Protein backbone atom coordinates (compact mmCIF):
# COMPACT_ATOMS: atom_id res chain seq x y z
CA UNK A 1 -69.18 -10.07 27.89
CA UNK A 2 -72.61 -9.67 26.27
CA UNK A 3 -72.61 -5.93 27.02
CA UNK A 4 -69.16 -5.58 25.52
CA UNK A 5 -70.22 -7.49 22.44
CA UNK A 6 -73.36 -5.41 21.94
CA UNK A 7 -71.53 -2.11 22.25
CA UNK A 8 -68.35 -2.82 20.29
CA UNK A 9 -69.14 -5.64 17.83
CA UNK A 10 -69.68 -4.21 14.33
CA UNK A 11 -70.64 -7.60 12.88
CA UNK A 12 -74.21 -7.37 14.19
CA UNK A 13 -76.99 -4.78 14.34
CA UNK A 14 -78.41 -2.13 12.00
CA UNK A 15 -75.53 -1.12 9.73
CA UNK A 16 -76.12 2.62 9.44
CA UNK A 17 -76.59 2.98 13.19
CA UNK A 18 -73.43 1.00 13.92
CA UNK A 19 -71.45 3.09 11.43
CA UNK A 20 -72.73 6.41 12.79
CA UNK A 21 -72.26 5.44 16.45
CA UNK A 22 -68.70 4.29 15.71
CA UNK A 23 -67.93 7.26 13.42
CA UNK A 24 -69.03 10.16 15.66
CA UNK A 25 -66.50 9.58 18.48
CA UNK A 26 -63.73 9.10 15.90
CA UNK A 27 -64.65 12.37 14.22
CA UNK A 28 -64.86 14.23 17.52
CA UNK A 29 -61.64 12.64 18.72
CA UNK A 30 -59.80 13.59 15.55
CA UNK A 31 -61.29 17.06 15.82
CA UNK A 32 -59.92 17.57 19.30
CA UNK A 33 -56.57 16.12 18.28
CA UNK A 34 -56.34 18.64 15.45
CA UNK A 35 -57.42 21.38 17.80
CA UNK A 36 -53.95 21.12 19.32
CA UNK A 37 -52.60 22.90 16.25
CA UNK A 38 -55.73 25.02 15.80
CA UNK A 39 -55.39 26.34 19.34
CA UNK A 40 -51.76 27.12 18.57
CA UNK A 41 -52.86 29.02 15.46
CA UNK A 42 -55.54 31.09 17.21
CA UNK A 43 -53.38 31.99 20.19
CA UNK A 44 -50.21 32.54 18.16
CA UNK A 45 -52.10 34.66 15.62
CA UNK A 46 -53.53 36.85 18.38
CA UNK A 47 -50.54 37.10 20.70
CA UNK A 48 -47.50 36.57 18.44
CA UNK A 49 -48.61 37.66 14.93
CA UNK A 50 -48.49 36.39 11.37
CA UNK A 51 -44.85 35.30 11.52
CA UNK A 52 -45.51 32.86 14.37
CA UNK A 53 -48.54 31.41 12.59
CA UNK A 54 -46.65 31.00 9.33
CA UNK A 55 -43.64 29.41 11.06
CA UNK A 56 -45.76 26.46 12.22
CA UNK A 57 -47.73 25.92 9.03
CA UNK A 58 -44.59 26.16 6.86
CA UNK A 59 -43.41 22.88 8.41
CA UNK A 60 -46.75 21.16 8.95
CA UNK A 61 -46.03 18.54 6.29
CA UNK A 62 -42.62 17.88 7.83
CA UNK A 63 -44.07 17.17 11.27
CA UNK A 64 -46.65 14.84 9.72
CA UNK A 65 -44.15 12.84 7.65
CA UNK A 66 -42.59 10.51 10.27
CA UNK A 67 -45.81 10.23 12.27
CA UNK A 68 -47.74 9.17 9.18
CA UNK A 69 -45.17 6.51 8.29
CA UNK A 70 -45.05 4.79 11.68
CA UNK A 71 -48.77 5.13 12.36
CA UNK A 72 -49.42 3.78 8.87
CA UNK A 73 -47.05 0.92 9.58
CA UNK A 74 -48.81 0.14 12.85
CA UNK A 75 -52.13 0.13 10.97
CA UNK A 76 -51.20 -3.39 10.04
CA UNK A 77 -51.73 -4.25 13.71
CA UNK A 78 -55.09 -2.46 13.72
CA UNK A 79 -56.32 -4.53 10.77
CA UNK A 80 -55.13 -7.75 12.39
CA UNK A 81 -56.73 -6.87 15.74
CA UNK A 82 -60.06 -6.08 14.04
CA UNK A 83 -60.04 -9.35 12.13
CA UNK A 84 -59.14 -11.40 15.22
CA UNK A 85 -61.85 -9.59 17.19
CA UNK A 86 -64.42 -10.41 14.50
CA UNK A 87 -63.23 -14.03 14.47
CA UNK A 88 -63.27 -14.15 18.35
CA UNK A 89 -59.58 -15.22 18.39
CA UNK A 90 -58.49 -13.67 21.69
CA UNK A 91 -55.09 -15.36 22.03
CA UNK A 92 -53.66 -14.02 18.76
CA UNK A 93 -55.37 -10.68 19.35
CA UNK A 94 -53.49 -10.32 22.65
CA UNK A 95 -50.13 -11.09 21.03
CA UNK A 96 -50.81 -8.49 18.35
CA UNK A 97 -51.70 -5.80 20.90
CA UNK A 98 -48.56 -6.31 22.99
CA UNK A 99 -46.34 -6.33 19.90
CA UNK A 100 -47.95 -3.13 18.62
CA UNK A 101 -47.33 -1.27 21.89
CA UNK A 102 -43.69 -2.41 21.94
CA UNK A 103 -43.34 -1.15 18.39
CA UNK A 104 -44.90 2.23 19.28
CA UNK A 105 -42.47 2.84 22.15
CA UNK A 106 -39.32 1.86 20.25
CA UNK A 107 -40.42 3.57 17.03
CA UNK A 108 -41.28 6.78 18.86
CA UNK A 109 -37.84 6.99 20.46
CA UNK A 110 -36.15 6.53 17.09
CA UNK A 111 -38.34 9.24 15.56
CA UNK A 112 -37.47 11.68 18.34
CA UNK A 113 -33.74 11.33 17.79
CA UNK A 114 -33.98 11.56 14.00
CA UNK A 115 -36.36 14.52 14.08
CA UNK A 116 -34.24 16.59 16.44
CA UNK A 117 -31.06 15.97 14.45
CA UNK A 118 -32.42 16.32 10.90
CA UNK A 119 -34.91 19.20 11.30
CA UNK A 120 -32.52 21.97 10.07
CA UNK A 121 -31.80 20.10 6.85
CA UNK A 122 -35.46 19.52 6.06
CA UNK A 123 -36.36 23.16 6.76
CA UNK A 124 -33.74 24.29 4.26
CA UNK A 125 -35.00 21.74 1.74
CA UNK A 126 -38.53 23.15 2.13
CA UNK A 127 -37.27 26.70 1.52
CA UNK A 128 -38.69 28.06 4.77
CA UNK A 129 -38.20 31.88 4.60
CA UNK A 130 -35.30 33.29 6.62
CA UNK A 131 -37.54 35.56 8.68
CA UNK A 132 -39.35 32.59 10.25
CA UNK A 133 -36.65 29.88 9.95
CA UNK A 134 -35.55 29.93 13.61
CA UNK A 135 -39.14 29.91 14.85
CA UNK A 136 -39.93 26.89 12.67
CA UNK A 137 -36.79 25.07 13.80
CA UNK A 138 -37.56 25.58 17.49
CA UNK A 139 -41.10 24.30 17.06
CA UNK A 140 -40.00 21.26 15.03
CA UNK A 141 -37.36 20.12 17.52
CA UNK A 142 -39.64 20.37 20.54
CA UNK A 143 -42.45 18.65 18.61
CA UNK A 144 -40.18 15.74 17.66
CA UNK A 145 -38.96 15.40 21.24
CA UNK A 146 -42.46 14.24 22.20
CA UNK A 147 -42.75 11.72 19.40
CA UNK A 148 -42.79 8.62 21.62
CA UNK A 149 -45.91 9.87 23.41
CA UNK A 150 -47.56 10.65 20.09
CA UNK A 151 -46.79 7.17 18.77
CA UNK A 152 -48.11 5.41 21.86
CA UNK A 153 -51.29 7.44 21.73
CA UNK A 154 -51.91 6.81 18.02
CA UNK A 155 -51.21 3.08 18.23
CA UNK A 156 -53.21 2.73 21.43
CA UNK A 157 -56.24 4.47 19.98
CA UNK A 158 -55.93 2.34 16.86
CA UNK A 159 -56.16 -0.76 19.05
CA UNK A 160 -59.21 0.49 20.92
CA UNK A 161 -60.95 1.44 17.69
CA UNK A 162 -60.09 -1.92 16.15
CA UNK A 163 -62.27 -3.66 18.74
CA UNK A 164 -65.08 -1.14 18.26
CA UNK A 165 -64.32 1.24 21.16
CA UNK A 166 -64.20 4.70 19.61
CA UNK A 167 -65.69 6.57 22.57
CA UNK A 168 -62.83 6.31 25.08
CA UNK A 169 -60.29 7.97 22.79
CA UNK A 170 -62.62 10.91 22.34
CA UNK A 171 -62.83 11.46 26.09
CA UNK A 172 -59.05 11.25 26.41
CA UNK A 173 -58.52 13.87 23.73
CA UNK A 174 -61.15 16.13 25.23
CA UNK A 175 -59.17 16.25 28.48
CA UNK A 176 -55.84 16.63 26.69
CA UNK A 177 -57.15 19.41 24.46
CA UNK A 178 -58.39 21.44 27.42
CA UNK A 179 -54.94 21.13 28.98
CA UNK A 180 -53.36 22.15 25.68
CA UNK A 181 -55.45 25.32 25.39
CA UNK A 182 -54.81 26.31 29.01
CA UNK A 183 -51.06 25.83 28.56
CA UNK A 184 -51.13 27.76 25.26
CA UNK A 185 -52.72 30.72 27.01
CA UNK A 186 -50.21 30.44 29.83
CA UNK A 187 -47.01 29.90 27.80
CA UNK A 188 -47.81 32.08 24.78
CA UNK A 189 -50.35 34.60 26.04
CA UNK A 190 -48.94 35.25 29.51
CA UNK A 191 -45.28 34.21 29.42
CA UNK A 192 -44.79 35.32 25.76
CA UNK A 193 -42.74 32.25 24.84
CA UNK A 194 -43.87 32.55 21.19
CA UNK A 195 -43.75 29.28 19.18
CA UNK A 196 -41.69 27.56 21.88
CA UNK A 197 -44.62 27.88 24.27
CA UNK A 198 -47.02 26.46 21.69
CA UNK A 199 -44.69 23.51 21.08
CA UNK A 200 -44.33 22.71 24.79
CA UNK A 201 -48.09 22.86 25.37
CA UNK A 202 -48.69 20.45 22.48
CA UNK A 203 -46.09 17.94 23.70
CA UNK A 204 -47.38 18.00 27.28
CA UNK A 205 -50.93 17.39 26.03
CA UNK A 206 -49.68 14.47 23.90
CA UNK A 207 -47.98 12.91 26.91
CA UNK A 208 -51.21 13.19 28.89
CA UNK A 209 -53.31 11.59 26.14
CA UNK A 210 -50.78 8.73 25.76
CA UNK A 211 -50.89 8.06 29.49
CA UNK A 212 -54.69 7.95 29.47
CA UNK A 213 -54.72 5.46 26.58
CA UNK A 214 -52.22 3.15 28.28
CA UNK A 215 -54.22 3.22 31.52
CA UNK A 216 -57.39 2.37 29.57
CA UNK A 217 -55.70 -0.56 27.83
CA UNK A 218 -54.44 -1.89 31.15
CA UNK A 219 -57.84 -1.63 32.84
CA UNK A 220 -60.15 -2.59 29.95
CA UNK A 221 -62.30 -5.72 30.03
CA UNK A 222 -62.06 -6.02 26.24
CA UNK A 223 -59.75 -8.64 24.67
CA UNK A 224 -57.26 -5.86 23.80
CA UNK A 225 -56.20 -5.59 27.46
CA UNK A 226 -52.44 -5.13 27.90
CA UNK A 227 -50.27 -6.46 30.71
CA UNK A 228 -47.09 -4.34 30.97
CA UNK A 229 -44.75 -7.27 31.62
CA UNK A 230 -46.01 -8.95 28.45
CA UNK A 231 -45.16 -6.01 26.18
CA UNK A 232 -42.63 -7.45 23.76
CA UNK A 233 -42.15 -8.34 20.11
CA UNK A 234 -43.70 -11.56 18.79
CA UNK A 235 -41.79 -12.41 15.63
CA UNK A 236 -44.69 -13.89 13.65
CA UNK A 237 -47.00 -11.04 14.62
CA UNK A 238 -44.38 -8.40 13.81
CA UNK A 239 -43.92 -9.99 10.39
CA UNK A 240 -47.66 -9.78 9.71
CA UNK A 241 -47.79 -6.18 10.94
CA UNK A 242 -45.02 -5.22 8.51
CA UNK A 243 -46.62 -7.16 5.66
CA UNK A 244 -49.91 -5.31 6.03
CA UNK A 245 -48.66 -2.04 7.48
CA UNK A 246 -45.60 -1.26 5.38
CA UNK A 247 -47.63 -0.37 2.25
CA UNK A 248 -49.85 1.89 4.37
CA UNK A 249 -46.78 3.45 5.99
CA UNK A 250 -45.15 4.14 2.63
CA UNK A 251 -48.40 5.59 1.31
CA UNK A 252 -48.90 7.73 4.41
CA UNK A 253 -45.34 9.08 4.36
CA UNK A 254 -45.38 9.93 0.66
CA UNK A 255 -48.53 11.97 1.15
CA UNK A 256 -46.70 14.64 3.16
CA UNK A 257 -43.67 14.35 0.84
CA UNK A 258 -45.84 15.38 -2.08
CA UNK A 259 -47.46 18.06 0.08
CA UNK A 260 -44.02 19.30 1.14
CA UNK A 261 -43.30 19.96 -2.54
CA UNK A 262 -46.55 21.89 -2.81
CA UNK A 263 -45.81 23.76 0.43
CA UNK A 264 -42.35 24.73 -0.83
CA UNK A 265 -44.01 26.29 -3.88
CA UNK A 266 -46.50 28.12 -1.67
CA UNK A 267 -43.62 29.35 0.51
CA UNK A 268 -42.14 31.12 -2.51
CA UNK A 269 -45.18 33.42 -2.67
CA UNK A 270 -44.26 34.97 0.70
CA UNK A 271 -45.42 35.06 4.31
CA UNK A 272 -48.97 36.27 3.56
CA UNK A 273 -49.57 33.34 1.21
CA UNK A 274 -48.20 30.92 3.79
CA UNK A 275 -50.47 32.42 6.45
CA UNK A 276 -53.51 32.34 4.12
CA UNK A 277 -52.90 28.69 3.28
CA UNK A 278 -52.47 28.01 7.00
CA UNK A 279 -55.89 29.52 7.64
CA UNK A 280 -57.41 27.42 4.86
CA UNK A 281 -56.09 24.38 6.70
CA UNK A 282 -57.91 25.49 9.83
CA UNK A 283 -61.16 26.34 8.04
CA UNK A 284 -61.44 23.12 6.04
CA UNK A 285 -60.29 21.03 8.98
CA UNK A 286 -63.72 19.43 9.40
CA UNK A 287 -63.77 18.34 5.75
CA UNK A 288 -60.63 16.27 6.06
CA UNK A 289 -61.55 14.98 9.50
CA UNK A 290 -64.79 13.62 8.04
CA UNK A 291 -62.88 12.02 5.19
CA UNK A 292 -60.16 10.53 7.41
CA UNK A 293 -62.73 9.30 9.94
CA UNK A 294 -64.76 7.70 7.17
CA UNK A 295 -61.70 5.69 6.13
CA UNK A 296 -61.10 4.45 9.68
CA UNK A 297 -64.78 3.65 10.14
CA UNK A 298 -65.23 1.57 7.00
CA UNK A 299 -61.85 -0.12 7.40
CA UNK A 300 -62.68 -1.27 10.94
CA UNK A 301 -66.21 -2.27 9.92
CA UNK A 302 -64.85 -4.27 6.98
CA UNK A 303 -62.06 -5.92 9.00
CA UNK A 304 -64.38 -7.14 11.77
CA UNK A 305 -66.92 -8.49 9.29
CA UNK A 306 -64.17 -10.01 7.15
CA UNK A 307 -62.90 -11.82 10.24
CA UNK A 308 -66.42 -13.16 10.88
CA UNK A 309 -66.83 -14.03 7.16
CA UNK A 310 -69.87 -11.75 6.81
CA UNK A 311 -69.22 -10.58 3.24
CA UNK A 312 -72.68 -9.37 2.28
CA UNK A 313 -72.65 -7.04 5.29
CA UNK A 314 -69.37 -5.54 4.03
CA UNK A 315 -70.85 -4.68 0.65
CA UNK A 316 -73.93 -3.08 2.21
CA UNK A 317 -71.78 -1.16 4.69
CA UNK A 318 -69.62 0.37 1.95
CA UNK A 319 -72.67 1.67 0.06
CA UNK A 320 -74.23 3.13 3.21
CA UNK A 321 -70.92 4.69 4.19
CA UNK A 322 -70.64 6.49 0.84
CA UNK A 323 -74.13 7.97 1.18
CA UNK A 324 -73.55 9.19 4.74
CA UNK A 325 -70.19 10.82 4.10
CA UNK A 326 -71.03 12.42 0.77
CA UNK A 327 -73.99 14.11 2.47
CA UNK A 328 -71.75 15.42 5.24
CA UNK A 329 -69.11 16.70 2.82
CA UNK A 330 -71.64 18.61 0.70
CA UNK A 331 -73.14 20.23 3.82
CA UNK A 332 -69.80 21.38 5.26
CA UNK A 333 -68.49 22.53 1.86
CA UNK A 334 -71.52 24.75 1.37
CA UNK A 335 -71.08 26.31 4.80
CA UNK A 336 -67.41 27.02 4.11
CA UNK A 337 -68.18 28.67 0.79
CA UNK A 338 -70.65 31.06 2.42
CA UNK A 339 -68.94 31.83 5.73
CA UNK A 340 -65.20 31.37 5.08
CA UNK A 341 -64.46 35.13 5.30
CA UNK A 342 -66.29 35.61 8.58
CA UNK A 343 -64.68 32.52 10.08
CA UNK A 344 -61.23 33.79 9.13
CA UNK A 345 -61.58 36.67 11.59
CA UNK A 346 -61.62 34.13 14.42
CA UNK A 347 -57.98 33.38 13.71
CA UNK A 348 -56.36 36.62 12.62
CA UNK A 349 -57.17 40.28 11.97
CA UNK A 350 -54.86 40.91 8.99
CA UNK A 351 -57.29 41.98 6.22
CA UNK A 352 -54.96 41.15 3.34
CA UNK A 353 -54.44 37.61 4.59
CA UNK A 354 -58.18 37.17 5.16
CA UNK A 355 -59.08 38.29 1.64
CA UNK A 356 -56.56 35.85 0.15
CA UNK A 357 -57.88 33.07 2.38
CA UNK A 358 -61.44 33.77 1.22
CA UNK A 359 -60.43 33.53 -2.44
CA UNK A 360 -58.64 30.21 -1.86
CA UNK A 361 -61.51 28.70 0.12
CA UNK A 362 -64.13 29.63 -2.46
CA UNK A 363 -61.99 27.96 -5.08
CA UNK A 364 -61.59 24.69 -3.14
CA UNK A 365 -64.88 24.27 -1.25
CA UNK A 366 -67.03 23.10 -4.21
CA UNK A 367 -64.44 20.40 -5.00
CA UNK A 368 -63.92 18.56 -1.71
CA UNK A 369 -66.47 15.85 -2.56
CA UNK A 370 -64.02 14.51 -5.15
CA UNK A 371 -61.90 13.07 -2.34
CA UNK A 372 -64.43 10.84 -0.55
CA UNK A 373 -64.58 7.97 -3.06
CA UNK A 374 -60.89 7.21 -2.81
CA UNK A 375 -60.95 7.18 0.99
CA UNK A 376 -64.03 4.97 1.48
CA UNK A 377 -63.20 2.39 -1.18
CA UNK A 378 -59.53 2.17 -0.19
CA UNK A 379 -60.51 1.80 3.48
CA UNK A 380 -62.84 -1.08 2.64
CA UNK A 381 -60.18 -2.85 0.62
CA UNK A 382 -57.54 -2.41 3.35
CA UNK A 383 -59.94 -3.84 5.91
CA UNK A 384 -59.82 -7.19 4.10
CA UNK A 385 -56.04 -7.28 4.49
CA UNK A 386 -55.14 -6.08 0.97
CA UNK A 387 -52.87 -3.08 1.48
CA UNK A 388 -50.34 -3.22 -1.36
CA UNK A 389 -52.61 -2.41 -4.29
CA UNK A 390 -54.34 0.51 -2.51
CA UNK A 391 -50.85 1.88 -1.86
CA UNK A 392 -49.96 1.67 -5.55
CA UNK A 393 -53.20 3.34 -6.63
CA UNK A 394 -52.75 6.13 -4.08
CA UNK A 395 -49.14 6.76 -5.05
CA UNK A 396 -50.13 7.04 -8.70
CA UNK A 397 -53.39 8.94 -8.32
CA UNK A 398 -52.40 11.31 -5.53
CA UNK A 399 -48.66 11.61 -4.95
CA UNK A 400 -47.36 11.19 -8.49
CA UNK A 401 -50.15 13.35 -9.89
CA UNK A 402 -49.33 16.20 -7.49
CA UNK A 403 -45.62 16.03 -8.18
CA UNK A 404 -46.18 16.03 -11.95
CA UNK A 405 -48.60 18.92 -11.67
CA UNK A 406 -46.07 21.02 -9.75
CA UNK A 407 -43.23 20.14 -12.12
CA UNK A 408 -45.10 20.36 -15.44
CA UNK A 409 -48.28 22.44 -15.09
CA UNK A 410 -47.31 25.14 -12.59
CA UNK A 411 -44.38 26.51 -14.65
CA UNK A 412 -46.87 27.27 -17.44
CA UNK A 413 -48.80 29.62 -15.12
CA UNK A 414 -46.88 30.14 -11.85
CA UNK A 415 -49.68 31.45 -9.62
CA UNK A 416 -50.86 30.35 -6.19
CA UNK A 417 -54.19 29.07 -7.54
CA UNK A 418 -52.36 27.03 -10.17
CA UNK A 419 -50.30 25.40 -7.44
CA UNK A 420 -53.46 24.54 -5.50
CA UNK A 421 -55.13 22.95 -8.52
CA UNK A 422 -52.85 19.98 -7.77
CA UNK A 423 -55.24 18.96 -4.98
CA UNK A 424 -58.63 18.63 -6.75
CA UNK A 425 -57.00 17.12 -9.83
CA UNK A 426 -55.38 14.41 -7.72
CA UNK A 427 -58.58 13.84 -5.71
CA UNK A 428 -60.55 13.20 -8.89
CA UNK A 429 -58.02 10.84 -10.42
CA UNK A 430 -57.61 8.85 -7.20
CA UNK A 431 -61.36 8.49 -6.60
CA UNK A 432 -61.99 7.31 -10.16
CA UNK A 433 -59.21 4.73 -9.89
CA UNK A 434 -60.48 3.37 -6.57
CA UNK A 435 -64.09 3.31 -7.74
CA UNK A 436 -63.15 1.14 -10.71
CA UNK A 437 -60.82 -1.10 -8.70
CA UNK A 438 -63.33 -1.61 -5.88
CA UNK A 439 -65.96 -2.87 -8.32
CA UNK A 440 -63.47 -5.43 -9.63
CA UNK A 441 -62.19 -6.35 -6.17
CA UNK A 442 -65.71 -6.73 -4.79
CA UNK A 443 -66.61 -9.31 -7.41
CA UNK A 444 -63.36 -11.22 -7.11
CA UNK A 445 -62.68 -11.17 -3.36
CA UNK A 446 -65.39 -9.74 -1.11
CA UNK A 447 -68.31 -11.47 -2.84
CA UNK A 448 -66.87 -14.95 -2.29
CA UNK A 449 -64.54 -14.22 0.60
CA UNK A 450 -61.30 -15.12 -1.10
CA UNK A 451 -57.98 -13.60 -0.12
């Protein structure tokens, strides 16, 4: 037990070392998870052309929408598990884990059915061009068919990370990603199954990663161990999960809704613009993985220390977290600004698309740092169990701002760059709002431990 405590307990030890050791596997794990779609992009771009690449990216926000909602909802369980782990309350922690797994299985099955049935309607709503509509529809339906596996994996990894184990999920994704790339080369490169092959390889890899997570949770010596016959809903736990997770789920689902509006505007500029924006999403992947991983890291750190009533450690951890992640963002942004054109050739050989991608990346890369404040401060606040107010701030600063920009500002100058200005503007507003609110919240709640 002492070894487990030393390795996974974030309530003790040198703060910056604990944060970095916990953060790196999360970042690498998220990187390999995203490499599912990156591998699809590289192989599709080389073997199937621009149309195949555009057909996947045109619906990226759609595929993220239901996943974000249910994973956000299950984040309530992650917060509870972290707090119980910090408080050494193993009985309630076990109930939470078994309820969360039951929720992942049932929620995933519901998502699969809804996604398969409703995909055509959402594609039309997003104004996917006719020349790639059928490709996008095929990919979406196969992707949604594997939703239960995706849900189990995401909830399972959330549980492992909640108790401080961020390494195992990285290893699982490493294996799954290798399988995904091999199947991509087989289905798309050799069999020429186009986007259908890419979709099947992704789903198979997701099933594998979900199986590995479940096996780990069954065999683990940590308090998050699951016993299959005990997987069921506990009413009181489910109520707490919804209380904490519903605001996160709403926030997470409205993110892609706002981005779907932006994507629909991008789609109107044609296939080359869609493909260029798709490449931007591959090039700046590391930026957003750092930002997302920073939120998970500080949220887990805060939740464990909040459970152990170590409030001064929370405040120090937030400040150290900001310094670490701002440094990383500036370093990666600078590299993207300099090498974005050369890196684009790794994905596609179309010169016109590459030149457009370069212009877009050199516009965005100096502005990514604006995002980090909102993610770190909101993650710290959520870790204490306050999820409603961060949701409100995010909806106002990010989602509402983007929608208003598209509806009011873009018509004044309907260009692709004008559409993309919606991102840095919303990042700035959200970060300023969370910076102000965190200072108030810190004095009122974290400083004295009230909730």
